[in-house]
Amino acid sequence: MIIMALDDGIGGDFPLHSRVIEVIASHVPGFCPNPVGKGEYFDAAGRHVYFYLQELHDMDVRAAPDPAGLATAIAELHQKAMSPNGMFGYPIITGRGTQDRTEHWDKSWAGHFTFLFQDLIKLDNQVNGPWPEYDLACRQLIEGVIPRLLGALQSEGRNITPVLVHGDLWEGNVATDKATGKVIIFDADECMYGHNEIEFGTWRCRWASHFKSPIYIKSYQRRIKPSEPVREWDDRNHQSGHMRLSRPSWKHVKNHYAPLENLEKYDPMKDIGVTGILEPYDINAGVVS
């Protein structure tokens, strides 16, 4: 049984963990460990402690998940778990630690994506200090790329539906249940009601392993077709990668939609989405040479 205990210092995460798992389990039974119970108490030191319990699953976290099984479950989630108010966002704080995102709703996907991106920029500047070239590149994305690339999804008669996305669907949060052989997901603390395609931004980042194989996204697209304009799907996937530290994606979409003369040019041979070559990466240390 998975047990999560949070004291007052990080108790804000508690409603998120309990609510999102309940939502996923209600729409796609068996796709995540079922919630068992939750509550709160005061420990011997007088601290206010929250707890949350989920079913125990013996999981294989090393083997590549079944592409068809994963695609079927994700597609079912994206087709059933609709935004309660028809807008993009989430009703409570999502994210983890310093990456917490405040509650925000927007009818525009480009608008909500901009809000999320600005949150990351703000955190980066707080931690690392200002960097003029970086700030210029970010401003170019916000003012030139996002309105054009993501705004096209809701212009000229086109429309998209906000659906629940896991938000952090990389290999470390997906496993295979040893008892059933079915794919199971967990750690959905960055969920939101968003455009379904953002779910796959991590799959082209430098730490991607199994999911860099085209079979995974193709399996999903056999169930849910890319949004219009279809020809810009790959560019939108690059854009989603911005939220996951994909530097090649930054350069690709800016060179294409809002070029800057002093910006380093996009090199497809350094893009895992093109080459399929995994670049060893440590989340804390960076590229492993």
Protein backbone atom coordinates (compact mmCIF):
# COMPACT_ATOMS: atom_id res chain seq x y z
CA MET A 1 0.00 0.00 0.00
CA ILE A 2 1.33 3.43 -0.94
CA ILE A 3 1.30 5.75 2.08
CA MET A 4 1.90 9.48 1.80
CA ALA A 5 2.29 11.60 4.92
CA LEU A 6 2.55 15.38 4.65
CA ASP A 7 2.96 17.90 7.44
CA ASP A 8 1.66 21.46 7.41
CA GLY A 9 4.72 22.69 5.54
CA ILE A 10 3.76 20.81 2.39
CA GLY A 11 0.17 19.96 3.15
CA GLY A 12 -0.98 21.93 0.12
CA ASP A 13 -0.08 18.93 -2.04
CA PHE A 14 -2.46 16.65 -0.14
CA PRO A 15 -5.77 17.67 -1.80
CA LEU A 16 -4.12 17.39 -5.22
CA HIS A 17 -2.79 13.85 -4.74
CA SER A 18 -6.06 12.55 -3.40
CA ARG A 19 -8.35 14.31 -5.85
CA VAL A 20 -6.55 13.60 -9.10
CA ILE A 21 -6.12 9.89 -8.37
CA GLU A 22 -9.81 9.65 -7.56
CA VAL A 23 -10.67 11.36 -10.86
CA ILE A 24 -8.38 9.12 -12.92
CA ALA A 25 -9.64 5.98 -11.18
CA SER A 26 -13.26 6.97 -11.76
CA HIS A 27 -12.77 7.41 -15.51
CA VAL A 28 -10.23 4.66 -16.26
CA PRO A 29 -10.42 1.97 -13.55
CA GLY A 30 -7.13 0.14 -13.06
CA PHE A 31 -5.00 2.80 -14.75
CA CYS A 32 -3.63 3.97 -11.40
CA PRO A 33 -3.46 2.51 -7.88
CA ASN A 34 -6.95 2.87 -6.45
CA PRO A 35 -7.36 5.29 -3.54
CA VAL A 36 -8.05 3.52 -0.25
CA GLY A 37 -8.30 6.23 2.37
CA LYS A 38 -7.18 9.63 3.55
CA GLY A 39 -7.28 11.69 6.70
CA GLU A 40 -5.32 13.84 9.11
CA TYR A 41 -4.05 13.76 12.68
CA PHE A 42 -1.70 15.48 15.12
CA ASP A 43 1.51 13.57 15.87
CA ALA A 44 3.34 13.36 19.21
CA ALA A 45 5.14 16.63 18.49
CA GLY A 46 1.86 18.40 17.84
CA ARG A 47 2.37 18.69 14.08
CA HIS A 48 -0.66 18.59 11.82
CA VAL A 49 -0.12 15.60 9.53
CA TYR A 50 -2.13 14.51 6.49
CA PHE A 51 -2.07 10.95 5.17
CA TYR A 52 -3.20 9.30 1.97
CA LEU A 53 -3.25 5.60 1.08
CA GLN A 54 -3.43 3.75 -2.23
CA GLU A 55 -3.53 0.08 -3.18
CA LEU A 56 -0.27 -1.84 -3.30
CA HIS A 57 0.82 -3.01 -6.76
CA ASP A 58 3.87 -5.11 -7.53
CA MET A 59 5.13 -3.18 -10.54
CA ASP A 60 7.82 -3.69 -13.16
CA VAL A 61 9.34 -0.23 -13.55
CA ARG A 62 12.18 -1.24 -15.88
CA ALA A 63 10.50 -2.97 -18.81
CA ALA A 64 9.08 -0.89 -21.65
CA PRO A 65 5.30 -0.47 -21.18
CA ASP A 66 3.02 -2.05 -23.78
CA PRO A 67 2.49 0.70 -26.41
CA ALA A 68 -1.07 -0.35 -27.25
CA GLY A 69 -2.07 -0.73 -23.61
CA LEU A 70 -0.63 2.64 -22.64
CA ALA A 71 -2.16 4.40 -25.65
CA THR A 72 -5.58 2.88 -25.02
CA ALA A 73 -5.65 3.97 -21.38
CA ILE A 74 -4.35 7.49 -22.06
CA ALA A 75 -6.82 7.96 -24.90
CA GLU A 76 -9.68 6.77 -22.68
CA LEU A 77 -8.66 9.29 -20.01
CA HIS A 78 -8.45 12.09 -22.57
CA GLN A 79 -11.86 11.19 -23.99
CA LYS A 80 -13.72 10.86 -20.69
CA ALA A 81 -12.18 13.29 -18.16
CA MET A 82 -13.44 16.64 -19.44
CA SER A 83 -12.92 20.02 -17.79
CA PRO A 84 -15.85 20.72 -15.42
CA ASN A 85 -16.22 24.30 -16.65
CA GLY A 86 -14.99 23.93 -20.23
CA MET A 87 -11.84 25.93 -19.50
CA PHE A 88 -8.13 25.16 -19.28
CA GLY A 89 -6.64 24.98 -15.78
CA TYR A 90 -7.24 23.17 -12.50
CA PRO A 91 -9.28 24.07 -9.40
CA ILE A 92 -6.44 23.67 -6.88
CA ILE A 93 -2.66 24.19 -6.76
CA THR A 94 -0.74 21.66 -8.84
CA GLY A 95 2.96 20.90 -9.26
CA ARG A 96 5.57 20.10 -6.66
CA GLY A 97 7.58 22.14 -4.22
CA THR A 98 8.96 25.29 -5.82
CA GLN A 99 7.18 24.41 -9.07
CA ASP A 100 3.70 24.79 -7.59
CA ARG A 101 1.28 26.48 -9.98
CA THR A 102 -1.41 28.75 -8.66
CA GLU A 103 -5.03 28.17 -9.60
CA HIS A 104 -5.76 29.64 -13.00
CA TRP A 105 -8.49 29.21 -15.60
CA ASP A 106 -8.50 30.39 -19.20
CA LYS A 107 -10.73 29.79 -22.23
CA SER A 108 -7.65 30.02 -24.43
CA TRP A 109 -5.09 27.22 -24.50
CA ALA A 110 -2.44 29.66 -25.73
CA GLY A 111 -3.31 31.92 -22.80
CA HIS A 112 -3.08 29.15 -20.22
CA PHE A 113 0.16 27.79 -21.69
CA THR A 114 1.61 31.30 -21.48
CA PHE A 115 0.60 31.49 -17.81
CA LEU A 116 2.38 28.19 -17.08
CA PHE A 117 5.47 29.24 -19.01
CA GLN A 118 5.68 32.59 -17.25
CA ASP A 119 5.52 30.78 -13.90
CA LEU A 120 8.61 28.79 -14.89
CA ILE A 121 10.44 31.90 -16.09
CA LYS A 122 9.66 33.67 -12.82
CA LEU A 123 11.01 30.76 -10.79
CA ASP A 124 14.13 30.53 -12.97
CA ASN A 125 14.90 34.22 -12.49
CA GLN A 126 14.33 33.97 -8.74
CA VAL A 127 16.73 31.04 -8.43
CA ASN A 128 19.38 31.89 -11.02
CA GLY A 129 19.09 35.63 -11.47
CA PRO A 130 18.42 37.53 -14.71
CA TRP A 131 20.03 36.49 -17.98
CA PRO A 132 19.29 39.02 -20.75
CA GLU A 133 19.67 36.60 -23.68
CA TYR A 134 17.46 34.04 -21.98
CA ASP A 135 14.84 36.65 -21.14
CA LEU A 136 14.85 37.84 -24.75
CA ALA A 137 14.33 34.30 -26.02
CA CYS A 138 11.48 33.76 -23.55
CA ARG A 139 9.81 37.00 -24.58
CA GLN A 140 10.05 35.94 -28.22
CA LEU A 141 8.30 32.68 -27.37
CA ILE A 142 5.54 34.43 -25.45
CA GLU A 143 4.93 37.24 -27.93
CA GLY A 144 5.72 35.55 -31.23
CA VAL A 145 5.54 31.77 -31.06
CA ILE A 146 2.83 30.78 -28.58
CA PRO A 147 0.06 33.04 -29.99
CA ARG A 148 0.78 31.83 -33.51
CA LEU A 149 1.39 28.12 -32.90
CA LEU A 150 -1.09 27.37 -30.10
CA GLY A 151 -3.51 30.14 -31.00
CA ALA A 152 -4.11 28.39 -34.33
CA LEU A 153 -5.82 25.55 -32.46
CA GLN A 154 -8.73 27.88 -31.60
CA SER A 155 -8.91 30.14 -34.65
CA GLU A 156 -10.57 30.04 -38.09
CA GLY A 157 -13.41 27.89 -36.76
CA ARG A 158 -11.15 25.35 -35.04
CA ASN A 159 -11.75 24.26 -31.47
CA ILE A 160 -10.19 21.98 -28.85
CA THR A 161 -11.63 20.49 -25.66
CA PRO A 162 -9.83 20.78 -22.29
CA VAL A 163 -9.25 17.29 -20.89
CA LEU A 164 -7.45 15.91 -17.85
CA VAL A 165 -3.78 15.27 -18.57
CA HIS A 166 -1.39 13.50 -16.21
CA GLY A 167 1.13 16.29 -16.76
CA ASP A 168 4.33 14.35 -16.02
CA LEU A 169 3.98 11.21 -18.12
CA TRP A 170 7.61 10.14 -18.43
CA GLU A 171 9.00 6.63 -18.00
CA GLY A 172 9.56 7.10 -14.27
CA ASN A 173 5.82 7.47 -13.69
CA VAL A 174 4.66 4.52 -15.80
CA ALA A 175 5.01 0.83 -14.98
CA THR A 176 3.55 -2.60 -15.70
CA ASP A 177 1.46 -4.39 -13.10
CA LYS A 178 3.11 -7.79 -12.63
CA ALA A 179 -0.16 -9.45 -11.67
CA THR A 180 -2.26 -8.25 -14.61
CA GLY A 181 0.30 -7.23 -17.23
CA LYS A 182 -1.54 -3.92 -17.63
CA VAL A 183 0.06 -0.49 -17.75
CA ILE A 184 -0.30 1.57 -14.59
CA ILE A 185 0.54 5.23 -13.92
CA PHE A 186 1.20 7.23 -10.75
CA ASP A 187 2.58 10.52 -9.39
CA ALA A 188 0.10 12.76 -11.23
CA ASP A 189 0.91 15.87 -9.20
CA GLU A 190 1.29 18.10 -12.26
CA CYS A 191 -2.12 17.35 -13.72
CA MET A 192 -4.41 19.92 -15.30
CA TYR A 193 -7.23 20.26 -17.77
CA GLY A 194 -5.30 21.06 -20.90
CA HIS A 195 -4.89 20.28 -24.58
CA ASN A 196 -4.32 16.53 -24.82
CA GLU A 197 -1.16 16.94 -26.93
CA ILE A 198 0.81 18.49 -24.07
CA GLU A 199 0.87 15.04 -22.47
CA PHE A 200 3.68 14.02 -24.80
CA GLY A 201 6.14 16.91 -24.42
CA THR A 202 8.39 14.79 -22.18
CA TRP A 203 8.72 12.12 -24.85
CA ARG A 204 11.16 14.16 -26.91
CA CYS A 205 13.29 15.45 -24.02
CA ARG A 206 16.87 14.36 -23.46
CA TRP A 207 16.04 11.92 -20.66
CA ALA A 208 13.40 10.03 -22.70
CA SER A 209 14.12 6.32 -23.14
CA HIS A 210 11.26 3.97 -24.10
CA PHE A 211 8.90 6.75 -25.13
CA LYS A 212 11.30 8.15 -27.72
CA SER A 213 10.24 5.24 -29.95
CA PRO A 214 7.68 6.43 -32.54
CA ILE A 215 5.50 3.40 -31.79
CA TYR A 216 4.18 5.05 -28.62
CA ILE A 217 2.88 8.27 -30.16
CA LYS A 218 1.66 6.44 -33.27
CA SER A 219 -0.32 4.04 -31.08
CA TYR A 220 -1.98 7.01 -29.39
CA GLN A 221 -2.69 8.82 -32.66
CA ARG A 222 -4.48 5.76 -34.01
CA ARG A 223 -6.98 6.35 -31.21
CA ILE A 224 -7.03 10.16 -31.10
CA LYS A 225 -5.99 12.05 -34.22
CA PRO A 226 -3.76 15.14 -34.01
CA SER A 227 -5.59 18.45 -33.72
CA GLU A 228 -5.86 20.79 -36.68
CA PRO A 229 -3.67 22.13 -38.18
CA VAL A 230 -2.32 18.56 -38.38
CA ARG A 231 0.79 19.67 -40.27
CA GLU A 232 1.87 21.62 -37.15
CA TRP A 233 1.57 18.72 -34.72
CA ASP A 234 5.32 18.17 -34.50
CA ASP A 235 5.92 21.88 -33.91
CA ARG A 236 3.34 21.85 -31.11
CA ASN A 237 5.12 18.85 -29.60
CA HIS A 238 8.34 20.87 -29.67
CA GLN A 239 6.41 23.66 -27.93
CA SER A 240 5.22 21.24 -25.22
CA GLY A 241 8.85 20.25 -24.70
CA HIS A 242 9.57 23.81 -23.53
CA MET A 243 7.95 22.91 -20.23
CA ARG A 244 10.45 20.05 -19.88
CA LEU A 245 13.84 21.67 -20.54
CA SER A 246 14.04 20.67 -24.20
CA ARG A 247 16.54 23.19 -25.60
CA PRO A 248 16.34 21.83 -29.18
CA SER A 249 12.58 22.44 -29.07
CA TRP A 250 13.09 26.07 -28.03
CA LYS A 251 15.37 26.68 -30.98
CA HIS A 252 13.20 24.79 -33.46
CA VAL A 253 9.95 26.68 -32.96
CA LYS A 254 11.60 30.08 -32.57
CA ASN A 255 13.65 29.63 -35.74
CA HIS A 256 10.46 28.59 -37.53
CA TYR A 257 7.83 31.01 -36.20
CA ALA A 258 9.66 33.99 -34.66
CA PRO A 259 13.37 33.96 -35.57
CA LEU A 260 15.98 36.02 -33.75
CA GLU A 261 19.26 36.82 -35.46
CA ASN A 262 21.39 36.14 -32.37
CA LEU A 263 19.64 32.87 -31.44
CA GLU A 264 21.58 29.64 -31.85
CA LYS A 265 20.23 27.74 -34.86
CA TYR A 266 18.25 24.55 -34.49
CA ASP A 267 20.27 21.39 -35.21
CA PRO A 268 18.02 18.35 -35.86
CA MET A 269 20.97 16.02 -35.16
CA LYS A 270 20.85 17.14 -31.52
CA ASP A 271 17.10 16.54 -31.24
CA ILE A 272 16.09 13.18 -29.74
CA GLY A 273 12.74 13.53 -31.47
CA VAL A 274 14.59 13.30 -34.79
CA THR A 275 17.52 11.01 -34.04
CA GLY A 276 15.95 8.73 -31.42
CA ILE A 277 19.34 8.72 -29.67
CA LEU A 278 19.18 8.89 -25.89
CA GLU A 279 21.55 11.42 -24.35
CA PRO A 280 22.45 10.19 -20.82
CA TYR A 281 20.98 12.65 -18.39
CA ASP A 282 20.79 13.10 -14.64
CA ILE A 283 17.78 15.18 -13.56
CA ASN A 284 19.83 16.91 -10.86
CA ALA A 285 23.25 17.12 -12.52
CA GLY A 286 22.38 17.61 -16.18
CA VAL A 287 23.98 15.93 -19.17
CA VAL A 288 26.19 12.97 -18.31
CA SER A 289 29.32 13.10 -20.44
